Amino acid sequence: MYAGVIFTPTMPSLLTLISLRMRSVKGRNGESIAADIVDLCKIYDINNSQIAGFGFDGQYFHLHVDSIIKYKLHLNDNVGFSWDPAHKLQLADKDTQKDEGLDWIDGICNDI
């Protein structure tokens, strides 16, 4: 899912999350993913001055999507790219569940 946050000063909440598109990525490489995001920016007429940053799954960084987008959209160094914390937490949770050395955590949770 591609989503954005817009500034809405006349609404009760100053920031509003909007869904821009939900679909499968056509290609599974960095160029294809970045092209899809760049095309989406063009469709919604999002220009450089409106982009503050992007939050991605870690795989996007492994595929260098951040560098490709930065180049294709001519973004300056002030635009941030971050690994979405929800994805990091999900990976940490999955790793923790696999680690038998951490079974004591289950005991504490069961006691609580």
PDB file of N, CA and C in Angstrom:
ATOM      1  N   MET A   1       0.845  -1.177   0.000  1.00  0.00           N
ATOM      2  CA  MET A   1       0.000   0.000   0.000  1.00  0.00           C
ATOM      3  C   MET A   1       0.883   1.230   0.000  1.00  0.00           C
ATOM      4  N   TYR A   2       0.542   2.177  -0.810  1.00  0.00           N
ATOM      5  CA  TYR A   2       1.221   3.462  -0.812  1.00  0.00           C
ATOM      6  C   TYR A   2       0.296   4.462  -0.133  1.00  0.00           C
ATOM      7  N   ALA A   3       0.832   5.160   0.836  1.00  0.00           N
ATOM      8  CA  ALA A   3       0.029   6.127   1.580  1.00  0.00           C
ATOM      9  C   ALA A   3       0.849   7.393   1.772  1.00  0.00           C
ATOM     10  N   GLY A   4       0.171   8.429   2.153  1.00  0.00           N
ATOM     11  CA  GLY A   4       0.847   9.691   2.402  1.00  0.00           C
ATOM     12  C   GLY A   4       0.211  10.390   3.578  1.00  0.00           C
ATOM     13  N   VAL A   5       0.880  11.395   4.053  1.00  0.00           N
ATOM     14  CA  VAL A   5       0.360  12.233   5.125  1.00  0.00           C
ATOM     15  C   VAL A   5       0.295  13.644   4.582  1.00  0.00           C
ATOM     16  N   ILE A   6      -0.854  14.267   4.731  1.00  0.00           N
ATOM     17  CA  ILE A   6      -0.998  15.639   4.250  1.00  0.00           C
ATOM     18  C   ILE A   6      -1.287  16.567   5.422  1.00  0.00           C
ATOM     19  N   PHE A   7      -0.886  17.802   5.280  1.00  0.00           N
ATOM     20  CA  PHE A   7      -1.118  18.848   6.274  1.00  0.00           C
ATOM     21  C   PHE A   7      -2.496  19.431   6.025  1.00  0.00           C
ATOM     22  N   THR A   8      -3.363  19.363   7.033  1.00  0.00           N
ATOM     23  CA  THR A   8      -4.745  19.837   6.886  1.00  0.00           C
ATOM     24  C   THR A   8      -5.078  20.807   8.024  1.00  0.00           C
ATOM     25  N   PRO A   9      -4.650  22.058   7.900  1.00  0.00           N
ATOM     26  CA  PRO A   9      -4.819  23.013   8.999  1.00  0.00           C
ATOM     27  C   PRO A   9      -6.269  23.341   9.344  1.00  0.00           C
ATOM     28  N   THR A  10      -7.204  23.118   8.445  1.00  0.00           N
ATOM     29  CA  THR A  10      -8.604  23.451   8.742  1.00  0.00           C
ATOM     30  C   THR A  10      -9.384  22.272   9.319  1.00  0.00           C
ATOM     31  N   MET A  11      -8.718  21.126   9.491  1.00  0.00           N
ATOM     32  CA  MET A  11      -9.373  19.929  10.028  1.00  0.00           C
ATOM     33  C   MET A  11      -9.035  19.792  11.517  1.00  0.00           C
ATOM     34  N   PRO A  12      -9.793  18.987  12.259  1.00  0.00           N
ATOM     35  CA  PRO A  12      -9.491  18.770  13.678  1.00  0.00           C
ATOM     36  C   PRO A  12      -8.078  18.227  13.916  1.00  0.00           C
ATOM     37  N   SER A  13      -7.591  17.403  12.990  1.00  0.00           N
ATOM     38  CA  SER A  13      -6.239  16.867  13.081  1.00  0.00           C
ATOM     39  C   SER A  13      -5.372  17.572  12.033  1.00  0.00           C
ATOM     40  N   LEU A  14      -4.208  18.069  12.445  1.00  0.00           N
ATOM     41  CA  LEU A  14      -3.354  18.800  11.510  1.00  0.00           C
ATOM     42  C   LEU A  14      -2.766  17.912  10.425  1.00  0.00           C
ATOM     43  N   LEU A  15      -2.571  16.622  10.750  1.00  0.00           N
ATOM     44  CA  LEU A  15      -2.027  15.688   9.776  1.00  0.00           C
ATOM     45  C   LEU A  15      -3.067  14.625   9.475  1.00  0.00           C
ATOM     46  N   THR A  16      -3.248  14.318   8.209  1.00  0.00           N
ATOM     47  CA  THR A  16      -4.235  13.332   7.785  1.00  0.00           C
ATOM     48  C   THR A  16      -3.561  12.286   6.908  1.00  0.00           C
ATOM     49  N   LEU A  17      -3.749  11.029   7.260  1.00  0.00           N
ATOM     50  CA  LEU A  17      -3.211   9.930   6.471  1.00  0.00           C
ATOM     51  C   LEU A  17      -4.142   9.663   5.298  1.00  0.00           C
ATOM     52  N   ILE A  18      -3.567   9.534   4.126  1.00  0.00           N
ATOM     53  CA  ILE A  18      -4.378   9.227   2.940  1.00  0.00           C
ATOM     54  C   ILE A  18      -3.782   8.005   2.238  1.00  0.00           C
ATOM     55  N   SER A  19      -4.633   7.169   1.693  1.00  0.00           N
ATOM     56  CA  SER A  19      -4.204   6.020   0.914  1.00  0.00           C
ATOM     57  C   SER A  19      -4.167   6.431  -0.545  1.00  0.00           C
ATOM     58  N   LEU A  20      -3.015   6.256  -1.169  1.00  0.00           N
ATOM     59  CA  LEU A  20      -2.866   6.656  -2.564  1.00  0.00           C
ATOM     60  C   LEU A  20      -3.114   5.498  -3.517  1.00  0.00           C
ATOM     61  N   ARG A  21      -2.687   4.309  -3.135  1.00  0.00           N
ATOM     62  CA  ARG A  21      -2.874   3.160  -4.013  1.00  0.00           C
ATOM     63  C   ARG A  21      -2.558   1.886  -3.241  1.00  0.00           C
ATOM     64  N   MET A  22      -3.299   0.842  -3.545  1.00  0.00           N
ATOM     65  CA  MET A  22      -2.997  -0.461  -2.988  1.00  0.00           C
ATOM     66  C   MET A  22      -3.014  -1.455  -4.143  1.00  0.00           C
ATOM     67  N   ARG A  23      -1.845  -1.970  -4.455  1.00  0.00           N
ATOM     68  CA  ARG A  23      -1.745  -2.963  -5.515  1.00  0.00           C
ATOM     69  C   ARG A  23      -0.398  -3.654  -5.405  1.00  0.00           C
ATOM     70  N   SER A  24      -0.276  -4.740  -6.090  1.00  0.00           N
ATOM     71  CA  SER A  24       0.994  -5.450  -6.103  1.00  0.00           C
ATOM     72  C   SER A  24       1.971  -4.701  -7.005  1.00  0.00           C
ATOM     73  N   VAL A  25       3.214  -4.724  -6.612  1.00  0.00           N
ATOM     74  CA  VAL A  25       4.252  -4.102  -7.416  1.00  0.00           C
ATOM     75  C   VAL A  25       4.474  -4.969  -8.651  1.00  0.00           C
ATOM     76  N   LYS A  26       4.606  -4.328  -9.807  1.00  0.00           N
ATOM     77  CA  LYS A  26       4.774  -5.069 -11.065  1.00  0.00           C
ATOM     78  C   LYS A  26       6.083  -5.853 -11.085  1.00  0.00           C
ATOM     79  N   GLY A  27       7.157  -5.227 -10.691  1.00  0.00           N
ATOM     80  CA  GLY A  27       8.460  -5.876 -10.685  1.00  0.00           C
ATOM     81  C   GLY A  27       8.970  -6.027  -9.271  1.00  0.00           C
ATOM     82  N   ARG A  28       9.850  -6.955  -9.076  1.00  0.00           N
ATOM     83  CA  ARG A  28      10.383  -7.215  -7.735  1.00  0.00           C
ATOM     84  C   ARG A  28      11.806  -6.707  -7.573  1.00  0.00           C
ATOM     85  N   ASN A  29      12.185  -5.721  -8.377  1.00  0.00           N
ATOM     86  CA  ASN A  29      13.529  -5.165  -8.239  1.00  0.00           C
ATOM     87  C   ASN A  29      13.423  -3.684  -7.883  1.00  0.00           C
ATOM     88  N   GLY A  30      14.542  -3.101  -7.466  1.00  0.00           N
ATOM     89  CA  GLY A  30      14.542  -1.713  -7.023  1.00  0.00           C
ATOM     90  C   GLY A  30      14.072  -0.728  -8.068  1.00  0.00           C
ATOM     91  N   GLU A  31      14.480  -0.937  -9.314  1.00  0.00           N
ATOM     92  CA  GLU A  31      14.081  -0.035 -10.395  1.00  0.00           C
ATOM     93  C   GLU A  31      12.563  -0.027 -10.585  1.00  0.00           C
ATOM     94  N   SER A  32      11.944  -1.206 -10.578  1.00  0.00           N
ATOM     95  CA  SER A  32      10.492  -1.299 -10.789  1.00  0.00           C
ATOM     96  C   SER A  32       9.711  -0.686  -9.633  1.00  0.00           C
ATOM     97  N   ILE A  33      10.158  -0.965  -8.425  1.00  0.00           N
ATOM     98  CA  ILE A  33       9.471  -0.423  -7.248  1.00  0.00           C
ATOM     99  C   ILE A  33       9.592   1.095  -7.229  1.00  0.00           C
ATOM    100  N   ALA A  34      10.798   1.598  -7.469  1.00  0.00           N
ATOM    101  CA  ALA A  34      11.012   3.044  -7.483  1.00  0.00           C
ATOM    102  C   ALA A  34      10.202   3.701  -8.607  1.00  0.00           C
ATOM    103  N   ALA A  35      10.157   3.067  -9.766  1.00  0.00           N
ATOM    104  CA  ALA A  35       9.386   3.620 -10.889  1.00  0.00           C
ATOM    105  C   ALA A  35       7.912   3.721 -10.531  1.00  0.00           C
ATOM    106  N   ASP A  36       7.392   2.722  -9.813  1.00  0.00           N
ATOM    107  CA  ASP A  36       5.992   2.750  -9.405  1.00  0.00           C
ATOM    108  C   ASP A  36       5.722   3.919  -8.459  1.00  0.00           C
ATOM    109  N   ILE A  37       6.633   4.163  -7.537  1.00  0.00           N
ATOM    110  CA  ILE A  37       6.476   5.269  -6.582  1.00  0.00           C
ATOM    111  C   ILE A  37       6.608   6.614  -7.294  1.00  0.00           C
ATOM    112  N   VAL A  38       7.561   6.726  -8.195  1.00  0.00           N
ATOM    113  CA  VAL A  38       7.742   7.971  -8.958  1.00  0.00           C
ATOM    114  C   VAL A  38       6.509   8.252  -9.812  1.00  0.00           C
ATOM    115  N   ASP A  39       5.975   7.212 -10.465  1.00  0.00           N
ATOM    116  CA  ASP A  39       4.753   7.377 -11.270  1.00  0.00           C
ATOM    117  C   ASP A  39       3.589   7.841 -10.398  1.00  0.00           C
ATOM    118  N   LEU A  40       3.488   7.300  -9.212  1.00  0.00           N
ATOM    119  CA  LEU A  40       2.421   7.690  -8.295  1.00  0.00           C
ATOM    120  C   LEU A  40       2.541   9.167  -7.914  1.00  0.00           C
ATOM    121  N   CYS A  41       3.761   9.629  -7.690  1.00  0.00           N
ATOM    122  CA  CYS A  41       3.973  11.053  -7.392  1.00  0.00           C
ATOM    123  C   CYS A  41       3.517  11.922  -8.569  1.00  0.00           C
ATOM    124  N   LYS A  42       3.768  11.459  -9.776  1.00  0.00           N
ATOM    125  CA  LYS A  42       3.348  12.217 -10.962  1.00  0.00           C
ATOM    126  C   LYS A  42       1.828  12.223 -11.112  1.00  0.00           C
ATOM    127  N   ILE A  43       1.198  11.064 -10.879  1.00  0.00           N
ATOM    128  CA  ILE A  43      -0.261  10.959 -10.994  1.00  0.00           C
ATOM    129  C   ILE A  43      -0.946  11.949 -10.055  1.00  0.00           C
ATOM    130  N   TYR A  44      -0.442  12.058  -8.821  1.00  0.00           N
ATOM    131  CA  TYR A  44      -1.056  12.934  -7.825  1.00  0.00           C
ATOM    132  C   TYR A  44      -0.422  14.320  -7.799  1.00  0.00           C
ATOM    133  N   ASP A  45       0.427  14.608  -8.777  1.00  0.00           N
ATOM    134  CA  ASP A  45       1.063  15.915  -8.912  1.00  0.00           C
ATOM    135  C   ASP A  45       1.792  16.319  -7.627  1.00  0.00           C
ATOM    136  N   ILE A  46       2.520  15.369  -7.070  1.00  0.00           N
ATOM    137  CA  ILE A  46       3.317  15.622  -5.862  1.00  0.00           C
ATOM    138  C   ILE A  46       4.703  16.066  -6.326  1.00  0.00           C
ATOM    139  N   ASN A  47       5.090  17.276  -5.927  1.00  0.00           N
ATOM    140  CA  ASN A  47       6.394  17.775  -6.362  1.00  0.00           C
ATOM    141  C   ASN A  47       7.405  17.713  -5.216  1.00  0.00           C
ATOM    142  N   ASN A  48       8.649  17.972  -5.540  1.00  0.00           N
ATOM    143  CA  ASN A  48       9.754  17.844  -4.578  1.00  0.00           C
ATOM    144  C   ASN A  48       9.532  18.631  -3.290  1.00  0.00           C
ATOM    145  N   SER A  49       8.977  19.815  -3.409  1.00  0.00           N
ATOM    146  CA  SER A  49       8.803  20.652  -2.222  1.00  0.00           C
ATOM    147  C   SER A  49       7.761  20.085  -1.262  1.00  0.00           C
ATOM    148  N   GLN A  50       6.949  19.150  -1.727  1.00  0.00           N
ATOM    149  CA  GLN A  50       5.915  18.546  -0.888  1.00  0.00           C
ATOM    150  C   GLN A  50       6.377  17.260  -0.212  1.00  0.00           C
ATOM    151  N   ILE A  51       7.539  16.768  -0.570  1.00  0.00           N
ATOM    152  CA  ILE A  51       8.027  15.484  -0.042  1.00  0.00           C
ATOM    153  C   ILE A  51       8.992  15.734   1.104  1.00  0.00           C
ATOM    154  N   ALA A  52       8.625  15.236   2.292  1.00  0.00           N
ATOM    155  CA  ALA A  52       9.492  15.364   3.458  1.00  0.00           C
ATOM    156  C   ALA A  52      10.260  14.069   3.712  1.00  0.00           C
ATOM    157  N   GLY A  53       9.676  12.930   3.301  1.00  0.00           N
ATOM    158  CA  GLY A  53      10.371  11.675   3.523  1.00  0.00           C
ATOM    159  C   GLY A  53       9.528  10.482   3.135  1.00  0.00           C
ATOM    160  N   PHE A  54      10.137   9.314   3.244  1.00  0.00           N
ATOM    161  CA  PHE A  54       9.494   8.051   2.921  1.00  0.00           C
ATOM    162  C   PHE A  54       9.779   7.052   4.037  1.00  0.00           C
ATOM    163  N   GLY A  55       8.824   6.174   4.295  1.00  0.00           N
ATOM    164  CA  GLY A  55       9.017   5.061   5.215  1.00  0.00           C
ATOM    165  C   GLY A  55       8.831   3.769   4.447  1.00  0.00           C
ATOM    166  N   PHE A  56       9.823   2.896   4.509  1.00  0.00           N
ATOM    167  CA  PHE A  56       9.820   1.678   3.711  1.00  0.00           C
ATOM    168  C   PHE A  56      10.008   0.434   4.565  1.00  0.00           C
ATOM    169  N   ASP A  57       9.683  -0.686   3.958  1.00  0.00           N
ATOM    170  CA  ASP A  57      10.066  -1.993   4.454  1.00  0.00           C
ATOM    171  C   ASP A  57      11.577  -2.111   4.226  1.00  0.00           C
ATOM    172  N   GLY A  58      12.250  -2.874   5.044  1.00  0.00           N
ATOM    173  CA  GLY A  58      13.697  -3.023   4.913  1.00  0.00           C
ATOM    174  C   GLY A  58      14.144  -3.529   3.559  1.00  0.00           C
ATOM    175  N   GLN A  59      13.320  -4.361   2.916  1.00  0.00           N
ATOM    176  CA  GLN A  59      13.674  -4.895   1.599  1.00  0.00           C
ATOM    177  C   GLN A  59      13.889  -3.779   0.586  1.00  0.00           C
ATOM    178  N   TYR A  60      13.154  -2.694   0.728  1.00  0.00           N
ATOM    179  CA  TYR A  60      13.323  -1.567  -0.199  1.00  0.00           C
ATOM    180  C   TYR A  60      14.729  -0.985  -0.095  1.00  0.00           C
ATOM    181  N   PHE A  61      15.295  -0.990   1.111  1.00  0.00           N
ATOM    182  CA  PHE A  61      16.657  -0.489   1.276  1.00  0.00           C
ATOM    183  C   PHE A  61      17.667  -1.456   0.670  1.00  0.00           C
ATOM    184  N   HIS A  62      17.422  -2.757   0.819  1.00  0.00           N
ATOM    185  CA  HIS A  62      18.311  -3.757   0.216  1.00  0.00           C
ATOM    186  C   HIS A  62      18.310  -3.634  -1.309  1.00  0.00           C
ATOM    187  N   LEU A  63      17.180  -3.192  -1.858  1.00  0.00           N
ATOM    188  CA  LEU A  63      17.058  -3.023  -3.316  1.00  0.00           C
ATOM    189  C   LEU A  63      17.438  -1.611  -3.776  1.00  0.00           C
ATOM    190  N   HIS A  64      17.857  -0.754  -2.834  1.00  0.00           N
ATOM    191  CA  HIS A  64      18.302   0.618  -3.123  1.00  0.00           C
ATOM    192  C   HIS A  64      17.195   1.503  -3.695  1.00  0.00           C
ATOM    193  N   VAL A  65      15.955   1.223  -3.300  1.00  0.00           N
ATOM    194  CA  VAL A  65      14.827   2.027  -3.775  1.00  0.00           C
ATOM    195  C   VAL A  65      14.996   3.483  -3.348  1.00  0.00           C
ATOM    196  N   ASP A  66      15.519   3.699  -2.152  1.00  0.00           N
ATOM    197  CA  ASP A  66      15.705   5.066  -1.661  1.00  0.00           C
ATOM    198  C   ASP A  66      16.634   5.865  -2.575  1.00  0.00           C
ATOM    199  N   SER A  67      17.759   5.293  -2.956  1.00  0.00           N
ATOM    200  CA  SER A  67      18.713   5.988  -3.829  1.00  0.00           C
ATOM    201  C   SER A  67      18.120   6.256  -5.210  1.00  0.00           C
ATOM    202  N   ILE A  68      17.384   5.283  -5.714  1.00  0.00           N
ATOM    203  CA  ILE A  68      16.798   5.434  -7.053  1.00  0.00           C
ATOM    204  C   ILE A  68      15.744   6.540  -7.057  1.00  0.00           C
ATOM    205  N   ILE A  69      14.889   6.555  -6.030  1.00  0.00           N
ATOM    206  CA  ILE A  69      13.854   7.603  -5.934  1.00  0.00           C
ATOM    207  C   ILE A  69      14.507   8.971  -5.781  1.00  0.00           C
ATOM    208  N   LYS A  70      15.510   9.034  -4.929  1.00  0.00           N
ATOM    209  CA  LYS A  70      16.201  10.307  -4.710  1.00  0.00           C
ATOM    210  C   LYS A  70      16.761  10.843  -6.032  1.00  0.00           C
ATOM    211  N   TYR A  71      17.323   9.961  -6.829  1.00  0.00           N
ATOM    212  CA  TYR A  71      17.888  10.360  -8.129  1.00  0.00           C
ATOM    213  C   TYR A  71      16.781  10.750  -9.112  1.00  0.00           C
ATOM    214  N   LYS A  72      15.755   9.906  -9.239  1.00  0.00           N
ATOM    215  CA  LYS A  72      14.712  10.140 -10.250  1.00  0.00           C
ATOM    216  C   LYS A  72      13.859  11.378  -9.952  1.00  0.00           C
ATOM    217  N   LEU A  73      13.653  11.664  -8.661  1.00  0.00           N
ATOM    218  CA  LEU A  73      12.838  12.826  -8.298  1.00  0.00           C
ATOM    219  C   LEU A  73      13.690  14.058  -7.984  1.00  0.00           C
ATOM    220  N   HIS A  74      15.012  13.928  -8.118  1.00  0.00           N
ATOM    221  CA  HIS A  74      15.937  15.040  -7.856  1.00  0.00           C
ATOM    222  C   HIS A  74      15.722  15.602  -6.448  1.00  0.00           C
ATOM    223  N   LEU A  75      15.666  14.699  -5.455  1.00  0.00           N
ATOM    224  CA  LEU A  75      15.422  15.117  -4.073  1.00  0.00           C
ATOM    225  C   LEU A  75      16.713  15.562  -3.399  1.00  0.00           C
ATOM    226  N   ASN A  76      16.595  16.533  -2.510  1.00  0.00           N
ATOM    227  CA  ASN A  76      17.782  16.999  -1.797  1.00  0.00           C
ATOM    228  C   ASN A  76      18.029  16.124  -0.557  1.00  0.00           C
ATOM    229  N   ASP A  77      19.127  16.400   0.129  1.00  0.00           N
ATOM    230  CA  ASP A  77      19.522  15.582   1.278  1.00  0.00           C
ATOM    231  C   ASP A  77      18.607  15.742   2.494  1.00  0.00           C
ATOM    232  N   ASN A  78      17.734  16.737   2.476  1.00  0.00           N
ATOM    233  CA  ASN A  78      16.819  16.937   3.603  1.00  0.00           C
ATOM    234  C   ASN A  78      15.660  15.945   3.612  1.00  0.00           C
ATOM    235  N   VAL A  79      15.418  15.280   2.501  1.00  0.00           N
ATOM    236  CA  VAL A  79      14.340  14.293   2.423  1.00  0.00           C
ATOM    237  C   VAL A  79      14.826  13.015   3.098  1.00  0.00           C
ATOM    238  N   GLY A  80      14.054  12.569   4.095  1.00  0.00           N
ATOM    239  CA  GLY A  80      14.459  11.402   4.861  1.00  0.00           C
ATOM    240  C   GLY A  80      13.868  10.099   4.339  1.00  0.00           C
ATOM    241  N   PHE A  81      14.617   9.027   4.526  1.00  0.00           N
ATOM    242  CA  PHE A  81      14.158   7.683   4.187  1.00  0.00           C
ATOM    243  C   PHE A  81      14.360   6.834   5.442  1.00  0.00           C
ATOM    244  N   SER A  82      13.289   6.219   5.925  1.00  0.00           N
ATOM    245  CA  SER A  82      13.415   5.426   7.146  1.00  0.00           C
ATOM    246  C   SER A  82      12.800   4.042   6.964  1.00  0.00           C
ATOM    247  N   TRP A  83      13.350   3.109   7.728  1.00  0.00           N
ATOM    248  CA  TRP A  83      12.828   1.757   7.758  1.00  0.00           C
ATOM    249  C   TRP A  83      11.655   1.776   8.715  1.00  0.00           C
ATOM    250  N   ASP A  84      10.483   1.488   8.203  1.00  0.00           N
ATOM    251  CA  ASP A  84       9.244   1.548   8.967  1.00  0.00           C
ATOM    252  C   ASP A  84       9.382   0.779  10.283  1.00  0.00           C
ATOM    253  N   PRO A  85       9.212   1.448  11.437  1.00  0.00           N
ATOM    254  CA  PRO A  85       9.369   0.783  12.739  1.00  0.00           C
ATOM    255  C   PRO A  85       8.443  -0.423  12.923  1.00  0.00           C
ATOM    256  N   ALA A  86       7.262  -0.401  12.344  1.00  0.00           N
ATOM    257  CA  ALA A  86       6.342  -1.539  12.487  1.00  0.00           C
ATOM    258  C   ALA A  86       6.948  -2.797  11.867  1.00  0.00           C
ATOM    259  N   HIS A  87       7.631  -2.649  10.746  1.00  0.00           N
ATOM    260  CA  HIS A  87       8.278  -3.802  10.119  1.00  0.00           C
ATOM    261  C   HIS A  87       9.439  -4.302  10.971  1.00  0.00           C
ATOM    262  N   LYS A  88      10.199  -3.379  11.553  1.00  0.00           N
ATOM    263  CA  LYS A  88      11.310  -3.781  12.417  1.00  0.00           C
ATOM    264  C   LYS A  88      10.798  -4.552  13.633  1.00  0.00           C
ATOM    265  N   LEU A  89       9.723  -4.053  14.237  1.00  0.00           N
ATOM    266  CA  LEU A  89       9.154  -4.742  15.395  1.00  0.00           C
ATOM    267  C   LEU A  89       8.639  -6.123  15.036  1.00  0.00           C
ATOM    268  N   GLN A  90       8.018  -6.235  13.887  1.00  0.00           N
ATOM    269  CA  GLN A  90       7.502  -7.536  13.445  1.00  0.00           C
ATOM    270  C   GLN A  90       8.651  -8.530  13.253  1.00  0.00           C
ATOM    271  N   LEU A  91       9.752  -8.088  12.667  1.00  0.00           N
ATOM    272  CA  LEU A  91      10.913  -8.958  12.490  1.00  0.00           C
ATOM    273  C   LEU A  91      11.513  -9.358  13.835  1.00  0.00           C
ATOM    274  N   ALA A  92      11.611  -8.401  14.754  1.00  0.00           N
ATOM    275  CA  ALA A  92      12.155  -8.700  16.080  1.00  0.00           C
ATOM    276  C   ALA A  92      11.263  -9.697  16.818  1.00  0.00           C
ATOM    277  N   ASP A  93       9.956  -9.534  16.699  1.00  0.00           N
ATOM    278  CA  ASP A  93       9.015 -10.454  17.344  1.00  0.00           C
ATOM    279  C   ASP A  93       9.180 -11.861  16.788  1.00  0.00           C
ATOM    280  N   LYS A  94       9.303 -11.974  15.475  1.00  0.00           N
ATOM    281  CA  LYS A  94       9.450 -13.281  14.835  1.00  0.00           C
ATOM    282  C   LYS A  94      10.759 -13.942  15.284  1.00  0.00           C
ATOM    283  N   ASP A  95      11.853 -13.181  15.337  1.00  0.00           N
ATOM    284  CA  ASP A  95      13.138 -13.720  15.773  1.00  0.00           C
ATOM    285  C   ASP A  95      13.087 -14.158  17.236  1.00  0.00           C
ATOM    286  N   THR A  96      12.418 -13.374  18.064  1.00  0.00           N
ATOM    287  CA  THR A  96      12.305 -13.695  19.481  1.00  0.00           C
ATOM    288  C   THR A  96      11.541 -15.003  19.693  1.00  0.00           C
ATOM    289  N   GLN A  97      10.500 -15.200  18.915  1.00  0.00           N
ATOM    290  CA  GLN A  97       9.703 -16.421  19.057  1.00  0.00           C
ATOM    291  C   GLN A  97      10.497 -17.658  18.659  1.00  0.00           C
ATOM    292  N   LYS A  98      11.465 -17.514  17.771  1.00  0.00           N
ATOM    293  CA  LYS A  98      12.286 -18.647  17.332  1.00  0.00           C
ATOM    294  C   LYS A  98      13.383 -18.990  18.331  1.00  0.00           C
ATOM    295  N   ASP A  99      13.797 -18.043  19.147  1.00  0.00           N
ATOM    296  CA  ASP A  99      14.937 -18.211  20.041  1.00  0.00           C
ATOM    297  C   ASP A  99      14.527 -18.958  21.310  1.00  0.00           C
ATOM    298  N   GLU A 100      14.963 -20.212  21.416  1.00  0.00           N
ATOM    299  CA  GLU A 100      14.597 -21.026  22.587  1.00  0.00           C
ATOM    300  C   GLU A 100      15.244 -20.495  23.863  1.00  0.00           C
ATOM    301  N   GLY A 101      16.310 -19.731  23.728  1.00  0.00           N
ATOM    302  CA  GLY A 101      16.973 -19.158  24.899  1.00  0.00           C
ATOM    303  C   GLY A 101      16.142 -18.070  25.574  1.00  0.00           C
ATOM    304  N   LEU A 102      15.042 -17.689  24.938  1.00  0.00           N
ATOM    305  CA  LEU A 102      14.190 -16.643  25.507  1.00  0.00           C
ATOM    306  C   LEU A 102      12.850 -17.192  25.995  1.00  0.00           C
ATOM    307  N   ASP A 103      12.788 -18.483  26.232  1.00  0.00           N
ATOM    308  CA  ASP A 103      11.553 -19.095  26.728  1.00  0.00           C
ATOM    309  C   ASP A 103      11.118 -18.509  28.064  1.00  0.00           C
ATOM    310  N   TRP A 104      12.068 -17.996  28.836  1.00  0.00           N
ATOM    311  CA  TRP A 104      11.736 -17.414  30.135  1.00  0.00           C
ATOM    312  C   TRP A 104      10.778 -16.229  29.998  1.00  0.00           C
ATOM    313  N   ILE A 105      10.805 -15.560  28.838  1.00  0.00           N
ATOM    314  CA  ILE A 105       9.882 -14.446  28.618  1.00  0.00           C
ATOM    315  C   ILE A 105       8.443 -14.957  28.608  1.00  0.00           C
ATOM    316  N   ASP A 106       8.230 -16.125  27.970  1.00  0.00           N
ATOM    317  CA  ASP A 106       6.895 -16.722  27.972  1.00  0.00           C
ATOM    318  C   ASP A 106       6.429 -16.989  29.395  1.00  0.00           C
ATOM    319  N   GLY A 107       7.342 -17.466  30.241  1.00  0.00           N
ATOM    320  CA  GLY A 107       6.985 -17.740  31.641  1.00  0.00           C
ATOM    321  C   GLY A 107       6.535 -16.492  32.366  1.00  0.00           C
ATOM    322  N   ILE A 108       7.246 -15.404  32.148  1.00  0.00           N
ATOM    323  CA  ILE A 108       6.874 -14.136  32.798  1.00  0.00           C
ATOM    324  C   ILE A 108       5.512 -13.671  32.280  1.00  0.00           C
ATOM    325  N   CYS A 109       5.289 -13.760  30.971  1.00  0.00           N
ATOM    326  CA  CYS A 109       4.013 -13.328  30.396  1.00  0.00           C
ATOM    327  C   CYS A 109       2.860 -14.197  30.913  1.00  0.00           C
ATOM    328  N   ASN A 110       3.106 -15.476  31.055  1.00  0.00           N
ATOM    329  CA  ASN A 110       2.070 -16.371  31.585  1.00  0.00           C
ATOM    330  C   ASN A 110       1.758 -16.036  33.042  1.00  0.00           C
ATOM    331  N   ASP A 111       2.789 -15.692  33.820  1.00  0.00           N
ATOM    332  CA  ASP A 111       2.579 -15.332  35.231  1.00  0.00           C
ATOM    333  C   ASP A 111       1.786 -14.046  35.366  1.00  0.00           C
ATOM    334  N   ILE A 112       2.029 -13.129  34.451  1.00  0.00           N
ATOM    335  CA  ILE A 112       1.315 -11.847  34.505  1.00  0.00           C
ATOM    336  C   ILE A 112      -0.117 -12.067  34.120  1.00  0.00           C
TER     337      ILE A 112
END
